[in-house]
Amino acid sequence: STDLTSTVGYDSIIQHLNDGRKNCKEFEDILKERAIIEEKYGKELINLSKKKPCGQTELNTLKRSLDVFKQQIDNVGQGHIQLAQTLREEAKKMEDFREKQKLHRKKIELIMEAIHKNRNLQYKKTMEVKQMCFCFLPYGALLYLFSLSHFWQLFLKLAQTKSALEDSDRSYQQSVITLEKIREEWQKEHIKACEFFETQECERINYFRNALWLHVNQLSQDCVQNDEKYEEIRKSLEMCSIEKDIDFFVNLRKTGSLAPAPVVYENYYNTERNATPVRSSVPVPISR
């Protein structure tokens, strides 16, 4: 701004930096909330794999596949819990980054606040001295408005006014010189502050971009790891054999290798006449 005492440009920069810090905080909060969701989801998966029965009476290869299935659900749950911890660590890194930038920027802001205050006070002082000098100037013109009878009185007053005017003028000149030094110092510090703020903003954008990139990679990696766990289930299912499971069940539950022999009819009547008792496993009706 052309106004020496204005801070509109500086205030705009500070507002932008504060907005950037707020944006980082919002991303940090998303990481924390996502961590809570991932941890809860992981624990639910683990509870599901341990507490919910699934094919307990299955046998052989299909049973092994179901065991792998439940184990990999547990592993996926553990993976989500680990991802939650990773997200919390990334959120902490973002928080540390924000606080580090805040502390560094605070030092510059304190310097700028002090120099703004000093500049404005000196400017105000200079303007007051300048105004005082201008107030003394009309006394010279008054000399021509009075008669000679008042000459000596006016001469004495004029001498006093002239001395005060010279003192005020010297004070005014000194104030202008001091103000110019302060203005040059302020301008130099303002440029340094802007360069520092620009560096910080570049660091913030770069850090924010890399953090988001890393977060997406972590989610992708989690999906890849989950797919690897699911692949174990698919491999186990490929080893599942219907024929083997049927044979396994038959061998496990078989009661013998021979079928019952046929029941043969025996003539009980003729056997009785020959006085040879014969017993049959199946009752045969006797004709009368």
Protein backbone atom coordinates (compact mmCIF):
# COMPACT_ATOMS: atom_id res chain seq x y z
CA SER A 1 0.00 0.00 0.00
CA THR A 2 1.14 3.59 -0.68
CA ASP A 3 -0.05 4.45 2.82
CA LEU A 4 3.02 4.19 5.03
CA THR A 5 0.99 3.15 8.09
CA SER A 6 -1.17 0.60 6.26
CA THR A 7 -0.76 -3.14 6.95
CA VAL A 8 -3.39 -4.37 4.51
CA GLY A 9 -0.90 -6.33 2.39
CA TYR A 10 0.82 -7.85 5.40
CA ASP A 11 -2.53 -8.74 6.98
CA SER A 12 -3.56 -10.49 3.75
CA ILE A 13 -0.41 -12.63 3.83
CA ILE A 14 -0.93 -13.56 7.49
CA GLN A 15 -4.56 -14.49 6.79
CA HIS A 16 -3.48 -16.74 3.92
CA LEU A 17 -0.87 -18.46 6.11
CA ASN A 18 -3.46 -19.00 8.84
CA ASP A 19 -5.85 -20.48 6.28
CA GLY A 20 -3.11 -22.85 5.12
CA ARG A 21 -2.48 -23.95 8.68
CA LYS A 22 -6.22 -24.52 9.10
CA ASN A 23 -6.30 -26.66 5.94
CA CYS A 24 -3.47 -28.82 7.30
CA LYS A 25 -5.42 -29.21 10.55
CA GLU A 26 -8.49 -30.35 8.62
CA PHE A 27 -6.47 -33.04 6.81
CA GLU A 28 -4.96 -34.04 10.15
CA ASP A 29 -8.47 -34.46 11.58
CA ILE A 30 -9.46 -36.65 8.62
CA LEU A 31 -6.48 -38.91 9.29
CA LYS A 32 -7.46 -39.20 12.96
CA GLU A 33 -11.10 -39.96 12.14
CA ARG A 34 -10.07 -42.50 9.49
CA ALA A 35 -7.79 -44.14 12.07
CA ILE A 36 -10.75 -44.54 14.44
CA ILE A 37 -12.84 -46.09 11.66
CA GLU A 38 -10.04 -48.46 10.57
CA GLU A 39 -9.37 -49.59 14.14
CA LYS A 40 -13.04 -50.22 14.84
CA TYR A 41 -13.43 -52.09 11.55
CA GLY A 42 -10.33 -54.17 12.24
CA LYS A 43 -11.53 -55.17 15.71
CA GLU A 44 -14.95 -56.10 14.34
CA LEU A 45 -13.34 -58.34 11.70
CA ILE A 46 -11.21 -60.07 14.35
CA ASN A 47 -14.25 -60.64 16.56
CA LEU A 48 -16.12 -61.97 13.55
CA SER A 49 -13.39 -64.46 12.67
CA LYS A 50 -13.04 -65.71 16.26
CA LYS A 51 -16.61 -65.75 17.55
CA LYS A 52 -18.75 -66.55 14.51
CA PRO A 53 -18.80 -70.25 13.56
CA CYS A 54 -18.41 -71.11 9.91
CA GLY A 55 -18.48 -74.69 8.67
CA GLN A 56 -17.42 -76.33 11.90
CA THR A 57 -18.64 -79.75 10.75
CA GLU A 58 -17.00 -79.62 7.34
CA LEU A 59 -14.28 -82.15 6.63
CA ASN A 60 -10.94 -82.40 4.89
CA THR A 61 -10.04 -79.94 2.09
CA LEU A 62 -13.12 -77.71 2.33
CA LYS A 63 -12.60 -77.46 6.10
CA ARG A 64 -9.00 -76.35 5.50
CA SER A 65 -10.24 -73.70 3.06
CA LEU A 66 -12.71 -72.41 5.63
CA ASP A 67 -9.96 -72.34 8.27
CA VAL A 68 -7.80 -70.29 5.89
CA PHE A 69 -10.80 -68.07 5.20
CA LYS A 70 -11.30 -67.27 8.89
CA GLN A 71 -7.57 -66.83 9.49
CA GLN A 72 -7.28 -64.35 6.63
CA ILE A 73 -10.28 -62.40 7.92
CA ASP A 74 -8.37 -62.14 11.19
CA ASN A 75 -5.25 -61.03 9.26
CA VAL A 76 -7.23 -58.41 7.35
CA GLY A 77 -8.55 -57.11 10.67
CA GLN A 78 -5.00 -56.93 12.05
CA GLY A 79 -3.99 -55.07 8.91
CA HIS A 80 -6.69 -52.44 9.44
CA ILE A 81 -5.59 -51.98 13.06
CA GLN A 82 -2.01 -51.51 11.86
CA LEU A 83 -3.22 -49.03 9.24
CA ALA A 84 -5.03 -47.11 12.00
CA GLN A 85 -1.76 -46.81 13.92
CA THR A 86 0.04 -45.66 10.76
CA LEU A 87 -2.62 -42.98 10.16
CA ARG A 88 -2.24 -41.72 13.73
CA GLU A 89 1.51 -41.45 13.23
CA GLU A 90 1.00 -39.48 10.02
CA ALA A 91 -1.49 -37.20 11.78
CA LYS A 92 1.09 -36.58 14.53
CA LYS A 93 3.70 -35.71 11.89
CA MET A 94 1.30 -33.21 10.34
CA GLU A 95 0.59 -31.71 13.78
CA ASP A 96 4.33 -31.40 14.51
CA PHE A 97 4.85 -29.76 11.12
CA ARG A 98 2.07 -27.23 11.79
CA GLU A 99 3.39 -26.36 15.24
CA LYS A 100 6.95 -26.03 13.94
CA GLN A 101 5.83 -23.57 11.26
CA LYS A 102 3.72 -21.71 13.80
CA LEU A 103 6.67 -21.21 16.18
CA HIS A 104 9.01 -20.07 13.41
CA ARG A 105 6.40 -17.69 12.01
CA LYS A 106 5.63 -16.27 15.46
CA LYS A 107 9.19 -14.94 15.73
CA ILE A 108 8.82 -13.06 12.45
CA GLU A 109 5.37 -11.79 13.39
CA LEU A 110 6.68 -10.36 16.69
CA ILE A 111 9.45 -8.54 14.82
CA MET A 112 6.96 -7.15 12.30
CA GLU A 113 4.51 -6.17 15.04
CA ALA A 114 7.21 -4.21 16.85
CA ILE A 115 8.45 -2.48 13.72
CA HIS A 116 4.91 -1.60 12.65
CA LYS A 117 4.28 -0.05 16.04
CA ASN A 118 7.55 1.90 15.97
CA ARG A 119 6.90 3.08 12.42
CA ASN A 120 3.38 4.28 13.19
CA LEU A 121 4.47 6.09 16.38
CA GLN A 122 7.30 7.88 14.56
CA TYR A 123 5.00 8.80 11.70
CA LYS A 124 2.44 10.23 14.13
CA LYS A 125 5.16 12.13 15.99
CA THR A 126 6.53 13.56 12.75
CA MET A 127 3.12 14.73 11.61
CA GLU A 128 2.51 16.41 14.99
CA VAL A 129 5.84 18.27 14.83
CA LYS A 130 5.12 19.28 11.25
CA GLN A 131 1.74 20.65 12.25
CA MET A 132 3.33 22.59 15.11
CA CYS A 133 5.80 24.22 12.71
CA PHE A 134 3.02 25.33 10.42
CA CYS A 135 1.15 26.83 13.34
CA PHE A 136 4.09 29.14 14.08
CA LEU A 137 4.40 30.54 10.57
CA PRO A 138 1.48 33.05 10.66
CA TYR A 139 3.17 35.06 13.43
CA GLY A 140 5.57 36.60 10.91
CA ALA A 141 2.73 38.00 8.86
CA LEU A 142 1.09 39.59 11.89
CA LEU A 143 3.98 42.08 12.17
CA TYR A 144 2.67 44.10 9.25
CA LEU A 145 -0.81 44.34 10.67
CA PHE A 146 0.05 46.25 13.81
CA SER A 147 1.10 49.87 14.27
CA LEU A 148 4.63 50.94 15.29
CA SER A 149 3.42 51.46 18.86
CA HIS A 150 3.24 47.76 19.19
CA PHE A 151 6.48 47.17 17.36
CA TRP A 152 8.65 46.39 20.35
CA GLN A 153 6.11 44.08 21.91
CA LEU A 154 5.68 42.25 18.66
CA PHE A 155 9.42 42.23 18.04
CA LEU A 156 10.00 40.50 21.36
CA LYS A 157 7.19 38.07 20.72
CA LEU A 158 8.44 37.47 17.21
CA ALA A 159 11.92 36.71 18.48
CA GLN A 160 10.49 34.17 20.89
CA THR A 161 8.29 32.71 18.14
CA LYS A 162 11.19 32.58 15.72
CA SER A 163 13.28 30.67 18.26
CA ALA A 164 10.43 28.26 18.92
CA LEU A 165 9.90 27.92 15.18
CA GLU A 166 13.55 27.09 14.58
CA ASP A 167 13.45 24.53 17.38
CA SER A 168 10.28 23.00 15.95
CA ASP A 169 11.74 22.96 12.47
CA ARG A 170 14.87 21.22 13.68
CA SER A 171 12.70 18.76 15.58
CA TYR A 172 10.60 18.26 12.45
CA GLN A 173 13.67 17.66 10.29
CA GLN A 174 15.06 15.20 12.82
CA SER A 175 11.71 13.39 13.00
CA VAL A 176 11.62 13.09 9.22
CA ILE A 177 15.17 11.69 9.21
CA THR A 178 14.29 9.23 11.97
CA LEU A 179 11.06 8.26 10.22
CA GLU A 180 12.94 7.61 6.99
CA LYS A 181 15.40 5.35 8.79
CA ILE A 182 12.50 3.50 10.38
CA ARG A 183 10.72 3.31 7.03
CA GLU A 184 13.81 1.81 5.38
CA GLU A 185 14.21 -0.65 8.24
CA TRP A 186 10.53 -1.57 8.07
CA GLN A 187 10.69 -2.07 4.31
CA LYS A 188 13.77 -4.26 4.65
CA GLU A 189 12.15 -6.33 7.41
CA HIS A 190 8.89 -6.51 5.46
CA ILE A 191 10.72 -7.95 2.45
CA LYS A 192 12.54 -10.45 4.65
CA ALA A 193 9.24 -11.42 6.28
CA CYS A 194 7.58 -11.92 2.89
CA GLU A 195 10.47 -14.07 1.70
CA PHE A 196 10.25 -16.14 4.90
CA PHE A 197 6.48 -16.50 4.57
CA GLU A 198 6.84 -17.54 0.93
CA THR A 199 9.39 -20.19 1.90
CA GLN A 200 7.06 -21.45 4.61
CA GLU A 201 4.13 -21.60 2.21
CA CYS A 202 6.20 -23.55 -0.32
CA GLU A 203 7.21 -25.97 2.43
CA ARG A 204 3.60 -26.29 3.59
CA ILE A 205 2.21 -27.01 0.11
CA ASN A 206 4.99 -29.50 -0.58
CA TYR A 207 4.51 -31.22 2.80
CA PHE A 208 0.73 -31.27 2.40
CA ARG A 209 0.97 -32.69 -1.13
CA ASN A 210 3.45 -35.38 -0.06
CA ALA A 211 1.34 -36.27 3.00
CA LEU A 212 -1.75 -36.73 0.84
CA TRP A 213 0.22 -38.75 -1.69
CA LEU A 214 1.60 -40.96 1.09
CA HIS A 215 -1.87 -41.43 2.54
CA VAL A 216 -3.26 -42.62 -0.79
CA ASN A 217 -0.28 -44.98 -1.19
CA GLN A 218 -0.96 -46.39 2.27
CA LEU A 219 -4.58 -47.07 1.36
CA SER A 220 -3.50 -48.66 -1.92
CA GLN A 221 -0.92 -50.78 -0.11
CA ASP A 222 -3.58 -51.87 2.35
CA CYS A 223 -5.77 -52.95 -0.56
CA VAL A 224 -2.86 -54.86 -2.11
CA GLN A 225 -2.13 -56.61 1.20
CA ASN A 226 -5.79 -57.44 1.63
CA ASP A 227 -5.90 -58.86 -1.89
CA GLU A 228 -2.87 -61.02 -1.04
CA LYS A 229 -4.77 -62.37 1.97
CA TYR A 230 -7.81 -63.02 -0.18
CA GLU A 231 -5.56 -64.74 -2.72
CA GLU A 232 -4.57 -67.20 0.00
CA ILE A 233 -8.25 -68.07 0.33
CA ARG A 234 -8.56 -68.54 -3.43
CA LYS A 235 -5.46 -70.78 -3.50
CA SER A 236 -6.91 -72.83 -0.66
CA LEU A 237 -10.20 -73.16 -2.54
CA GLU A 238 -8.31 -74.34 -5.61
CA MET A 239 -7.00 -77.21 -3.47
CA CYS A 240 -10.52 -78.08 -2.39
CA SER A 241 -11.51 -81.43 -4.01
CA ILE A 242 -15.05 -82.70 -4.01
CA GLU A 243 -13.89 -86.26 -4.69
CA LYS A 244 -11.31 -86.16 -1.90
CA ASP A 245 -13.83 -84.79 0.58
CA ILE A 246 -16.35 -87.50 -0.32
CA ASP A 247 -13.68 -90.20 -0.05
CA PHE A 248 -12.47 -88.73 3.25
CA PHE A 249 -15.98 -88.82 4.68
CA VAL A 250 -16.51 -92.41 3.53
CA ASN A 251 -13.21 -93.57 5.03
CA LEU A 252 -13.89 -91.65 8.24
CA ARG A 253 -17.39 -93.01 8.77
CA LYS A 254 -17.24 -96.45 7.13
CA THR A 255 -18.47 -99.39 9.21
CA GLY A 256 -16.93 -102.20 7.21
CA SER A 257 -15.78 -103.32 3.80
CA LEU A 258 -18.42 -106.02 3.19
CA ALA A 259 -22.13 -105.60 2.62
CA PRO A 260 -24.54 -107.77 4.59
CA ALA A 261 -25.06 -111.23 3.04
CA PRO A 262 -28.41 -112.02 1.44
CA VAL A 263 -30.92 -113.77 3.64
CA VAL A 264 -31.48 -117.33 2.27
CA TYR A 265 -34.76 -119.14 2.71
CA GLU A 266 -34.55 -122.30 4.74
CA ASN A 267 -37.38 -124.91 4.84
CA TYR A 268 -38.13 -125.04 8.52
CA TYR A 269 -40.81 -127.74 8.12
CA ASN A 270 -38.57 -130.33 6.50
CA THR A 271 -35.79 -129.54 8.85
CA GLU A 272 -38.10 -130.15 11.80
CA ARG A 273 -39.12 -133.57 10.49
CA ASN A 274 -35.53 -134.55 10.26
CA ALA A 275 -35.26 -133.55 13.95
CA THR A 276 -32.59 -131.09 13.15
CA PRO A 277 -33.43 -127.73 14.63
CA VAL A 278 -32.76 -124.85 12.20
CA ARG A 279 -33.00 -121.18 12.97
CA SER A 280 -33.43 -118.45 10.42
CA SER A 281 -32.61 -114.87 10.84
CA VAL A 282 -35.88 -114.01 9.08
CA PRO A 283 -39.18 -115.55 10.24
CA VAL A 284 -40.72 -117.67 7.50
CA PRO A 285 -44.47 -118.41 7.63
CA ILE A 286 -45.34 -122.11 7.91
CA SER A 287 -48.07 -123.57 5.69
CA ARG A 288 -50.64 -125.63 7.40
